[in-house]
Amino acid sequence: MKTSELEKLGFECLQNQFEDVEIAGGYTSDLLSDVMANLAEHQVLITIQAHKNTVAVASLADAAAIVFCHGRKATADVVSAAAQEGIALFSSPDNQYNTTCRVAKFLGA
């Protein structure tokens, strides 16, 4: 599955200036130090932390995308930071568990 295909899961694309890469997996966490230690290249970060620090941490791992759960949206500064880093942003109406399950199922896990 490529980054652009996350919309097929019912996620709203919030920032579409990104490299359309093959998604290698996903990681779900709200603790940014945990994300820094465990998020891998081209993975999707699933979180409720919709702020610039999340984008900064995701960029350290060269993440493919960030999915904000519970319908959270990104502010203009978050969208700008993600565009600058080439990280796709999406919003899921679901909670983290259901969002993670949807991504995992789509990836064939």
N, C-alpha and C. Protein backbone atom coordinates (compact mmCIF):
# COMPACT_ATOMS: atom_id res chain seq x y z
N MET A 1 0.85 -1.17 0.00
CA MET A 1 0.00 0.00 0.00
C MET A 1 0.89 1.23 0.00
N LYS A 2 0.53 2.19 -0.83
CA LYS A 2 1.25 3.46 -0.88
C LYS A 2 0.56 4.49 0.01
N THR A 3 1.30 5.51 0.33
CA THR A 3 0.81 6.56 1.21
C THR A 3 -0.52 7.14 0.73
N SER A 4 -0.63 7.41 -0.56
CA SER A 4 -1.85 8.01 -1.10
C SER A 4 -3.07 7.12 -0.93
N GLU A 5 -2.87 5.84 -0.74
CA GLU A 5 -3.99 4.91 -0.61
C GLU A 5 -4.63 4.93 0.77
N LEU A 6 -4.06 5.66 1.72
CA LEU A 6 -4.66 5.75 3.04
C LEU A 6 -6.07 6.35 2.98
N GLU A 7 -6.34 7.15 1.97
CA GLU A 7 -7.69 7.71 1.82
C GLU A 7 -8.73 6.62 1.59
N LYS A 8 -8.31 5.50 1.03
CA LYS A 8 -9.23 4.38 0.80
C LYS A 8 -9.77 3.80 2.11
N LEU A 9 -9.09 4.10 3.21
CA LEU A 9 -9.52 3.63 4.51
C LEU A 9 -10.51 4.59 5.17
N GLY A 10 -10.88 5.63 4.46
CA GLY A 10 -11.81 6.61 5.00
C GLY A 10 -11.14 7.72 5.76
N PHE A 11 -9.82 7.85 5.61
CA PHE A 11 -9.09 8.92 6.27
C PHE A 11 -9.11 10.16 5.39
N GLU A 12 -9.23 11.30 6.02
CA GLU A 12 -9.22 12.58 5.31
C GLU A 12 -7.78 13.06 5.15
N CYS A 13 -7.39 13.37 3.92
CA CYS A 13 -6.05 13.88 3.67
C CYS A 13 -6.00 15.36 4.08
N LEU A 14 -5.06 15.70 4.96
CA LEU A 14 -4.93 17.06 5.47
C LEU A 14 -3.77 17.80 4.82
N GLN A 15 -2.84 17.06 4.23
CA GLN A 15 -1.63 17.64 3.64
C GLN A 15 -1.16 16.69 2.55
N ASN A 16 -1.20 17.15 1.32
CA ASN A 16 -0.90 16.23 0.22
C ASN A 16 0.40 16.52 -0.52
N GLN A 17 1.30 17.25 0.10
CA GLN A 17 2.61 17.50 -0.50
C GLN A 17 3.60 16.51 0.09
N PHE A 18 3.57 15.28 -0.42
CA PHE A 18 4.40 14.22 0.14
C PHE A 18 4.86 13.28 -0.97
N GLU A 19 5.89 12.54 -0.66
CA GLU A 19 6.37 11.50 -1.56
C GLU A 19 5.47 10.28 -1.37
N ASP A 20 4.96 9.75 -2.45
CA ASP A 20 4.05 8.60 -2.38
C ASP A 20 4.86 7.32 -2.31
N VAL A 21 5.18 6.89 -1.08
CA VAL A 21 6.05 5.73 -0.88
C VAL A 21 5.25 4.51 -0.45
N GLU A 22 5.87 3.37 -0.61
CA GLU A 22 5.28 2.12 -0.12
C GLU A 22 5.36 2.13 1.40
N ILE A 23 4.23 1.90 2.06
CA ILE A 23 4.19 1.92 3.53
C ILE A 23 4.76 0.61 4.06
N ALA A 24 5.73 0.73 4.97
CA ALA A 24 6.44 -0.43 5.51
C ALA A 24 5.78 -1.00 6.77
N GLY A 25 4.83 -0.29 7.33
CA GLY A 25 4.19 -0.72 8.56
C GLY A 25 3.62 0.48 9.29
N GLY A 26 3.29 0.28 10.53
CA GLY A 26 2.73 1.37 11.31
C GLY A 26 3.18 1.30 12.75
N TYR A 27 3.01 2.41 13.44
CA TYR A 27 3.32 2.46 14.86
C TYR A 27 2.31 3.37 15.53
N THR A 28 1.76 2.92 16.64
CA THR A 28 0.74 3.67 17.37
C THR A 28 1.28 4.06 18.74
N SER A 29 1.32 5.37 18.98
CA SER A 29 1.77 5.85 20.29
C SER A 29 1.48 7.35 20.39
N ASP A 30 1.31 7.80 21.61
CA ASP A 30 1.14 9.22 21.90
C ASP A 30 2.34 9.79 22.65
N LEU A 31 3.22 8.94 23.09
CA LEU A 31 4.39 9.35 23.84
C LEU A 31 5.53 9.56 22.84
N LEU A 32 5.90 10.82 22.61
CA LEU A 32 6.83 11.12 21.54
C LEU A 32 8.22 10.52 21.75
N SER A 33 8.65 10.36 22.98
CA SER A 33 9.93 9.68 23.21
C SER A 33 9.86 8.22 22.78
N ASP A 34 8.71 7.60 22.98
CA ASP A 34 8.48 6.23 22.53
C ASP A 34 8.49 6.16 21.00
N VAL A 35 7.85 7.13 20.39
CA VAL A 35 7.82 7.20 18.92
C VAL A 35 9.25 7.36 18.39
N MET A 36 10.04 8.23 19.00
CA MET A 36 11.43 8.44 18.56
C MET A 36 12.22 7.14 18.62
N ALA A 37 11.95 6.32 19.61
CA ALA A 37 12.70 5.08 19.79
C ALA A 37 12.22 3.95 18.89
N ASN A 38 10.97 4.03 18.40
CA ASN A 38 10.40 2.85 17.74
C ASN A 38 9.83 3.04 16.34
N LEU A 39 9.51 4.26 15.95
CA LEU A 39 8.96 4.49 14.61
C LEU A 39 10.06 4.27 13.58
N ALA A 40 9.77 3.51 12.54
CA ALA A 40 10.77 3.18 11.52
C ALA A 40 10.46 3.88 10.21
N GLU A 41 11.44 3.86 9.34
CA GLU A 41 11.33 4.50 8.03
C GLU A 41 10.12 3.98 7.26
N HIS A 42 9.40 4.91 6.66
CA HIS A 42 8.23 4.66 5.80
C HIS A 42 7.05 4.02 6.54
N GLN A 43 7.04 4.13 7.85
CA GLN A 43 5.88 3.67 8.61
C GLN A 43 4.89 4.80 8.78
N VAL A 44 3.67 4.44 9.15
CA VAL A 44 2.61 5.39 9.46
C VAL A 44 2.55 5.54 10.97
N LEU A 45 2.59 6.78 11.45
CA LEU A 45 2.42 7.05 12.87
C LEU A 45 0.95 7.32 13.12
N ILE A 46 0.37 6.57 14.05
CA ILE A 46 -1.04 6.72 14.43
C ILE A 46 -1.07 7.28 15.84
N THR A 47 -1.70 8.46 15.99
CA THR A 47 -1.61 9.18 17.26
C THR A 47 -2.76 10.17 17.42
N ILE A 48 -2.88 10.72 18.62
CA ILE A 48 -3.80 11.84 18.84
C ILE A 48 -3.04 13.15 19.00
N GLN A 49 -1.72 13.09 18.97
CA GLN A 49 -0.88 14.26 19.18
C GLN A 49 -0.77 15.09 17.90
N ALA A 50 -1.66 16.03 17.73
CA ALA A 50 -1.74 16.82 16.49
C ALA A 50 -1.02 18.16 16.66
N HIS A 51 0.30 18.11 16.80
CA HIS A 51 1.07 19.35 16.93
C HIS A 51 2.42 19.21 16.21
N LYS A 52 3.16 20.33 16.13
CA LYS A 52 4.41 20.37 15.37
C LYS A 52 5.47 19.41 15.88
N ASN A 53 5.51 19.16 17.16
CA ASN A 53 6.51 18.24 17.68
C ASN A 53 6.32 16.82 17.14
N THR A 54 5.08 16.47 16.88
CA THR A 54 4.80 15.15 16.29
C THR A 54 5.41 15.06 14.91
N VAL A 55 5.28 16.12 14.13
CA VAL A 55 5.87 16.15 12.78
C VAL A 55 7.39 16.07 12.88
N ALA A 56 7.97 16.79 13.81
CA ALA A 56 9.42 16.78 13.98
C ALA A 56 9.92 15.38 14.32
N VAL A 57 9.23 14.70 15.22
CA VAL A 57 9.63 13.35 15.61
C VAL A 57 9.44 12.38 14.44
N ALA A 58 8.34 12.50 13.73
CA ALA A 58 8.09 11.63 12.57
C ALA A 58 9.15 11.84 11.49
N SER A 59 9.61 13.06 11.34
CA SER A 59 10.61 13.33 10.31
C SER A 59 11.95 12.68 10.65
N LEU A 60 12.26 12.51 11.94
CA LEU A 60 13.49 11.84 12.34
C LEU A 60 13.56 10.41 11.82
N ALA A 61 12.43 9.77 11.73
CA ALA A 61 12.36 8.38 11.27
C ALA A 61 12.05 8.28 9.78
N ASP A 62 11.87 9.42 9.12
CA ASP A 62 11.46 9.43 7.70
C ASP A 62 10.13 8.69 7.54
N ALA A 63 9.18 9.04 8.38
CA ALA A 63 7.85 8.41 8.34
C ALA A 63 7.15 8.74 7.04
N ALA A 64 6.28 7.84 6.61
CA ALA A 64 5.50 8.05 5.40
C ALA A 64 4.33 8.98 5.66
N ALA A 65 3.71 8.85 6.83
CA ALA A 65 2.50 9.62 7.13
C ALA A 65 2.23 9.64 8.62
N ILE A 66 1.39 10.59 9.00
CA ILE A 66 0.85 10.66 10.35
C ILE A 66 -0.66 10.63 10.21
N VAL A 67 -1.31 9.80 11.01
CA VAL A 67 -2.77 9.75 11.05
C VAL A 67 -3.20 10.21 12.43
N PHE A 68 -3.93 11.32 12.49
CA PHE A 68 -4.48 11.82 13.74
C PHE A 68 -5.85 11.17 13.95
N CYS A 69 -6.06 10.62 15.13
CA CYS A 69 -7.30 9.90 15.42
C CYS A 69 -8.35 10.80 16.07
N HIS A 70 -9.54 10.25 16.23
CA HIS A 70 -10.68 10.94 16.84
C HIS A 70 -11.07 12.19 16.05
N GLY A 71 -10.81 12.17 14.74
CA GLY A 71 -11.20 13.29 13.88
C GLY A 71 -10.39 14.56 14.09
N ARG A 72 -9.27 14.45 14.78
CA ARG A 72 -8.43 15.64 15.01
C ARG A 72 -7.89 16.17 13.70
N LYS A 73 -7.81 17.47 13.63
CA LYS A 73 -7.31 18.17 12.44
C LYS A 73 -5.97 18.82 12.78
N ALA A 74 -5.27 19.19 11.75
CA ALA A 74 -3.98 19.85 11.94
C ALA A 74 -4.15 21.35 11.77
N THR A 75 -3.47 22.11 12.60
CA THR A 75 -3.46 23.56 12.44
C THR A 75 -2.54 23.92 11.26
N ALA A 76 -2.62 25.16 10.84
CA ALA A 76 -1.83 25.61 9.68
C ALA A 76 -0.34 25.40 9.88
N ASP A 77 0.16 25.63 11.09
CA ASP A 77 1.60 25.45 11.32
C ASP A 77 2.01 23.99 11.26
N VAL A 78 1.13 23.08 11.65
CA VAL A 78 1.42 21.65 11.56
C VAL A 78 1.41 21.22 10.09
N VAL A 79 0.44 21.69 9.34
CA VAL A 79 0.36 21.37 7.90
C VAL A 79 1.61 21.87 7.19
N SER A 80 2.02 23.08 7.51
CA SER A 80 3.20 23.66 6.90
C SER A 80 4.46 22.86 7.23
N ALA A 81 4.60 22.47 8.49
CA ALA A 81 5.77 21.68 8.90
C ALA A 81 5.79 20.33 8.20
N ALA A 82 4.63 19.69 8.08
CA ALA A 82 4.56 18.39 7.41
C ALA A 82 4.88 18.52 5.92
N ALA A 83 4.39 19.58 5.29
CA ALA A 83 4.69 19.81 3.87
C ALA A 83 6.18 20.01 3.67
N GLN A 84 6.78 20.75 4.56
CA GLN A 84 8.22 21.01 4.49
C GLN A 84 9.02 19.72 4.63
N GLU A 85 8.54 18.79 5.44
CA GLU A 85 9.22 17.51 5.66
C GLU A 85 8.78 16.43 4.67
N GLY A 86 7.73 16.70 3.88
CA GLY A 86 7.23 15.72 2.93
C GLY A 86 6.48 14.57 3.57
N ILE A 87 5.86 14.85 4.73
CA ILE A 87 5.11 13.84 5.46
C ILE A 87 3.62 14.07 5.22
N ALA A 88 2.94 13.03 4.77
CA ALA A 88 1.50 13.11 4.56
C ALA A 88 0.78 13.18 5.90
N LEU A 89 -0.31 13.93 5.93
CA LEU A 89 -1.13 14.02 7.14
C LEU A 89 -2.54 13.57 6.81
N PHE A 90 -3.10 12.76 7.70
CA PHE A 90 -4.47 12.29 7.54
C PHE A 90 -5.19 12.39 8.87
N SER A 91 -6.51 12.43 8.80
CA SER A 91 -7.35 12.42 9.99
C SER A 91 -8.29 11.23 9.89
N SER A 92 -8.36 10.45 10.96
CA SER A 92 -9.27 9.31 11.04
C SER A 92 -10.39 9.65 12.02
N PRO A 93 -11.62 9.31 11.67
CA PRO A 93 -12.72 9.55 12.61
C PRO A 93 -12.72 8.58 13.78
N ASP A 94 -11.95 7.51 13.66
CA ASP A 94 -11.96 6.44 14.67
C ASP A 94 -10.94 6.67 15.78
N ASN A 95 -11.03 5.83 16.80
CA ASN A 95 -10.03 5.85 17.87
C ASN A 95 -8.75 5.17 17.39
N GLN A 96 -7.74 5.17 18.22
CA GLN A 96 -6.44 4.63 17.81
C GLN A 96 -6.49 3.13 17.56
N TYR A 97 -7.22 2.40 18.37
CA TYR A 97 -7.30 0.96 18.19
C TYR A 97 -7.90 0.62 16.83
N ASN A 98 -9.07 1.18 16.54
CA ASN A 98 -9.73 0.89 15.27
C ASN A 98 -8.93 1.38 14.07
N THR A 99 -8.30 2.54 14.20
CA THR A 99 -7.46 3.06 13.12
C THR A 99 -6.28 2.12 12.87
N THR A 100 -5.64 1.68 13.94
CA THR A 100 -4.52 0.76 13.82
C THR A 100 -4.96 -0.55 13.16
N CYS A 101 -6.09 -1.06 13.56
CA CYS A 101 -6.61 -2.31 12.97
C CYS A 101 -6.88 -2.14 11.48
N ARG A 102 -7.43 -1.01 11.09
CA ARG A 102 -7.72 -0.75 9.68
C ARG A 102 -6.44 -0.70 8.85
N VAL A 103 -5.44 -0.01 9.35
CA VAL A 103 -4.16 0.08 8.64
C VAL A 103 -3.52 -1.31 8.57
N ALA A 104 -3.49 -2.02 9.67
CA ALA A 104 -2.88 -3.37 9.71
C ALA A 104 -3.58 -4.31 8.72
N LYS A 105 -4.88 -4.28 8.70
CA LYS A 105 -5.63 -5.15 7.80
C LYS A 105 -5.32 -4.80 6.35
N PHE A 106 -5.26 -3.52 6.04
CA PHE A 106 -4.98 -3.08 4.68
C PHE A 106 -3.56 -3.48 4.26
N LEU A 107 -2.65 -3.52 5.22
CA LEU A 107 -1.27 -3.92 4.93
C LEU A 107 -1.10 -5.43 4.90
N GLY A 108 -2.17 -6.15 5.24
CA GLY A 108 -2.12 -7.61 5.21
C GLY A 108 -1.51 -8.22 6.46
N ALA A 109 -1.49 -7.47 7.52
CA ALA A 109 -0.91 -7.99 8.78
C ALA A 109 -1.93 -8.82 9.55
